[in-house]
Amino acid sequence: MKEGKYVNFQAEKEIVFNFNPAEGKRSTDYLVCDKNWFLVSERVKMVFDTLEERGVQYIPVRIYNKETEESSLGGYSVANVVNVLDALNLEHSDYSVFEYGDNQKLISVKKYALNKPCLENKHVFKLHGDEFPLFVSEEFKKEVEKNKLTGFDFLEVKVI
């Protein structure tokens, strides 16, 4: 799920998440989980279908109430984002470079800038070499707002 590759998922293997109702009972269209996977409702899948986004693999999950052990949240899937783009524009991004080991470098981006030509017809994607964050198009954001989907928060990035 982290690498942006299709997962060979076997339906007989169930992916299970638990939630503690004492920590919150509100189900949203985008759920946060301890693995930082993109857990989405059927309503989010419909938005991607509307936008004809093909760069997402959906893997069904079961979400159980930790106290009652009942499967209480249905219709959720892990949205495995397989669109991985080489779209980072370092010239216009705000970033730091950390050196470690034998001439190894780590780039830490504070504010992203992306190359517009790389983004054509992509509504959700990751950047090459970076599993986080997840980027979405302006069209996706508008559809989320229009359909009143819950659980989302967006930060604007520069597109060059």
Protein backbone atom coordinates (compact mmCIF):
# COMPACT_ATOMS: atom_id res chain seq x y z
CA MET A 1 0.00 0.00 0.00
CA LYS A 2 2.92 2.31 0.62
CA GLU A 3 4.75 1.74 -2.66
CA GLY A 4 2.01 2.67 -5.11
CA LYS A 5 1.73 -0.84 -6.56
CA TYR A 6 -1.26 -3.10 -7.02
CA VAL A 7 -1.61 -5.59 -4.18
CA ASN A 8 -2.43 -9.19 -5.01
CA PHE A 9 -5.29 -9.42 -2.55
CA GLN A 10 -6.94 -12.74 -1.78
CA ALA A 11 -10.61 -12.33 -0.87
CA GLU A 12 -10.48 -15.09 1.74
CA LYS A 13 -8.01 -13.03 3.79
CA GLU A 14 -10.00 -10.44 5.68
CA ILE A 15 -8.43 -7.10 6.61
CA VAL A 16 -9.78 -6.05 9.97
CA PHE A 17 -9.66 -2.76 11.87
CA ASN A 18 -11.03 -2.06 15.33
CA PHE A 19 -12.30 1.17 16.78
CA ASN A 20 -12.90 2.18 20.36
CA PRO A 21 -16.28 3.95 20.66
CA ALA A 22 -14.99 5.75 23.78
CA GLU A 23 -12.57 7.59 21.45
CA GLY A 24 -15.28 8.57 18.97
CA LYS A 25 -18.34 7.10 17.33
CA ARG A 26 -18.74 9.28 14.26
CA SER A 27 -18.11 7.47 11.00
CA THR A 28 -16.81 9.70 8.22
CA ASP A 29 -16.24 9.10 4.52
CA TYR A 30 -12.48 9.16 5.02
CA LEU A 31 -11.26 7.30 8.10
CA VAL A 32 -7.84 7.60 9.69
CA CYS A 33 -6.25 4.35 10.80
CA ASP A 34 -3.07 3.41 12.62
CA LYS A 35 -1.43 2.19 9.39
CA ASN A 36 -2.00 5.54 7.63
CA TRP A 37 -3.95 3.78 4.89
CA PHE A 38 -6.55 5.70 2.90
CA LEU A 39 -9.82 4.13 4.24
CA VAL A 40 -12.80 5.33 2.24
CA SER A 41 -16.56 4.87 2.11
CA GLU A 42 -18.62 3.87 -0.91
CA ARG A 43 -19.41 7.57 -1.40
CA VAL A 44 -15.71 8.37 -1.96
CA LYS A 45 -15.45 5.50 -4.45
CA MET A 46 -18.40 7.01 -6.34
CA VAL A 47 -16.56 10.35 -6.60
CA PHE A 48 -13.52 8.61 -8.08
CA ASP A 49 -15.83 6.79 -10.51
CA THR A 50 -17.42 10.11 -11.50
CA LEU A 51 -13.95 11.52 -12.22
CA GLU A 52 -12.99 8.30 -14.07
CA GLU A 53 -9.94 7.88 -11.84
CA ARG A 54 -8.32 4.51 -12.60
CA GLY A 55 -5.23 4.84 -10.38
CA VAL A 56 -6.87 3.38 -7.26
CA GLN A 57 -7.28 -0.25 -6.18
CA TYR A 58 -10.06 -0.87 -3.64
CA ILE A 59 -9.58 -3.56 -1.03
CA PRO A 60 -12.57 -4.22 1.25
CA VAL A 61 -12.09 -4.08 5.01
CA ARG A 62 -14.17 -4.89 8.08
CA ILE A 63 -14.31 -2.43 10.95
CA TYR A 64 -15.26 -3.83 14.34
CA ASN A 65 -16.40 -2.13 17.51
CA LYS A 66 -13.69 -3.01 20.06
CA GLU A 67 -16.17 -3.18 22.95
CA THR A 68 -18.96 -5.23 21.37
CA GLU A 69 -16.80 -7.05 18.78
CA GLU A 70 -19.57 -6.42 16.24
CA SER A 71 -18.87 -5.40 12.66
CA SER A 72 -20.49 -2.01 12.90
CA LEU A 73 -18.99 0.03 10.05
CA GLY A 74 -19.68 -1.49 6.66
CA GLY A 75 -18.88 -0.49 3.12
CA TYR A 76 -15.31 0.70 3.67
CA SER A 77 -12.27 -0.10 1.58
CA VAL A 78 -8.59 0.67 1.59
CA ALA A 79 -7.98 2.90 -1.41
CA ASN A 80 -4.57 1.73 -2.56
CA VAL A 81 -3.30 4.65 -4.63
CA VAL A 82 -1.17 3.34 -7.49
CA ASN A 83 -0.66 6.64 -9.29
CA VAL A 84 2.95 7.52 -8.45
CA LEU A 85 4.20 10.60 -10.26
CA ASP A 86 7.57 12.24 -10.66
CA ALA A 87 5.96 15.67 -10.32
CA LEU A 88 7.90 17.40 -7.52
CA ASN A 89 9.31 20.76 -8.56
CA LEU A 90 12.21 21.36 -6.15
CA GLU A 91 13.02 24.75 -7.66
CA HIS A 92 9.72 26.18 -6.38
CA SER A 93 9.34 24.00 -3.25
CA ASP A 94 10.50 24.92 0.24
CA TYR A 95 12.68 22.03 1.46
CA SER A 96 15.72 21.00 3.46
CA VAL A 97 18.37 18.42 2.61
CA PHE A 98 19.82 16.16 5.30
CA GLU A 99 22.94 14.15 4.61
CA TYR A 100 23.59 10.81 6.26
CA GLY A 101 25.71 7.72 5.72
CA ASP A 102 27.92 7.45 2.66
CA ASN A 103 26.79 10.40 0.53
CA GLN A 104 23.10 9.67 1.13
CA LYS A 105 20.62 12.54 1.15
CA LEU A 106 17.14 12.92 2.54
CA ILE A 107 14.87 15.71 1.31
CA SER A 108 12.29 17.06 3.75
CA VAL A 109 9.68 19.17 1.98
CA LYS A 110 7.91 21.90 3.96
CA LYS A 111 5.87 23.37 1.08
CA TYR A 112 5.33 21.45 -2.11
CA ALA A 113 5.36 22.73 -5.69
CA LEU A 114 4.29 20.35 -8.46
CA ASN A 115 4.83 20.28 -12.21
CA LYS A 116 1.47 20.76 -13.92
CA PRO A 117 2.20 18.68 -17.06
CA CYS A 118 2.74 15.60 -14.86
CA LEU A 119 -0.69 15.93 -13.24
CA GLU A 120 -2.92 15.65 -16.34
CA ASN A 121 -5.98 13.44 -15.74
CA LYS A 122 -4.78 12.37 -12.27
CA HIS A 123 -7.14 13.00 -9.37
CA VAL A 124 -5.24 11.23 -6.60
CA PHE A 125 -1.54 10.39 -6.48
CA LYS A 126 1.64 10.01 -4.48
CA LEU A 127 5.03 11.40 -5.37
CA HIS A 128 7.80 9.12 -6.53
CA GLY A 129 9.91 8.11 -3.53
CA ASP A 130 7.47 9.52 -0.96
CA GLU A 131 4.50 7.54 0.40
CA PHE A 132 3.15 10.57 2.27
CA PRO A 133 1.40 12.88 1.67
CA LEU A 134 -1.40 11.97 -0.68
CA PHE A 135 -2.23 14.59 -3.31
CA VAL A 136 -5.61 15.16 -4.96
CA SER A 137 -6.80 17.33 -7.81
CA GLU A 138 -8.86 20.48 -7.48
CA GLU A 139 -11.68 18.58 -9.23
CA PHE A 140 -11.62 15.89 -6.54
CA LYS A 141 -11.72 18.54 -3.80
CA LYS A 142 -14.73 20.21 -5.47
CA GLU A 143 -16.55 16.86 -5.72
CA VAL A 144 -15.84 16.15 -2.04
CA GLU A 145 -17.34 19.52 -1.11
CA LYS A 146 -20.29 19.20 -3.52
CA ASN A 147 -21.17 15.73 -2.16
CA LYS A 148 -20.56 16.85 1.45
CA LEU A 149 -18.10 14.04 2.11
CA THR A 150 -16.69 14.06 5.63
CA GLY A 151 -13.28 13.47 7.19
CA PHE A 152 -11.25 15.35 4.58
CA ASP A 153 -8.87 18.26 5.09
CA PHE A 154 -6.97 19.88 2.23
CA LEU A 155 -3.85 22.04 1.97
CA GLU A 156 -3.16 23.96 -1.20
CA VAL A 157 0.09 23.36 -3.05
CA LYS A 158 1.73 25.41 -5.78
CA VAL A 159 1.36 24.02 -9.32
CA ILE A 160 3.88 25.27 -11.90
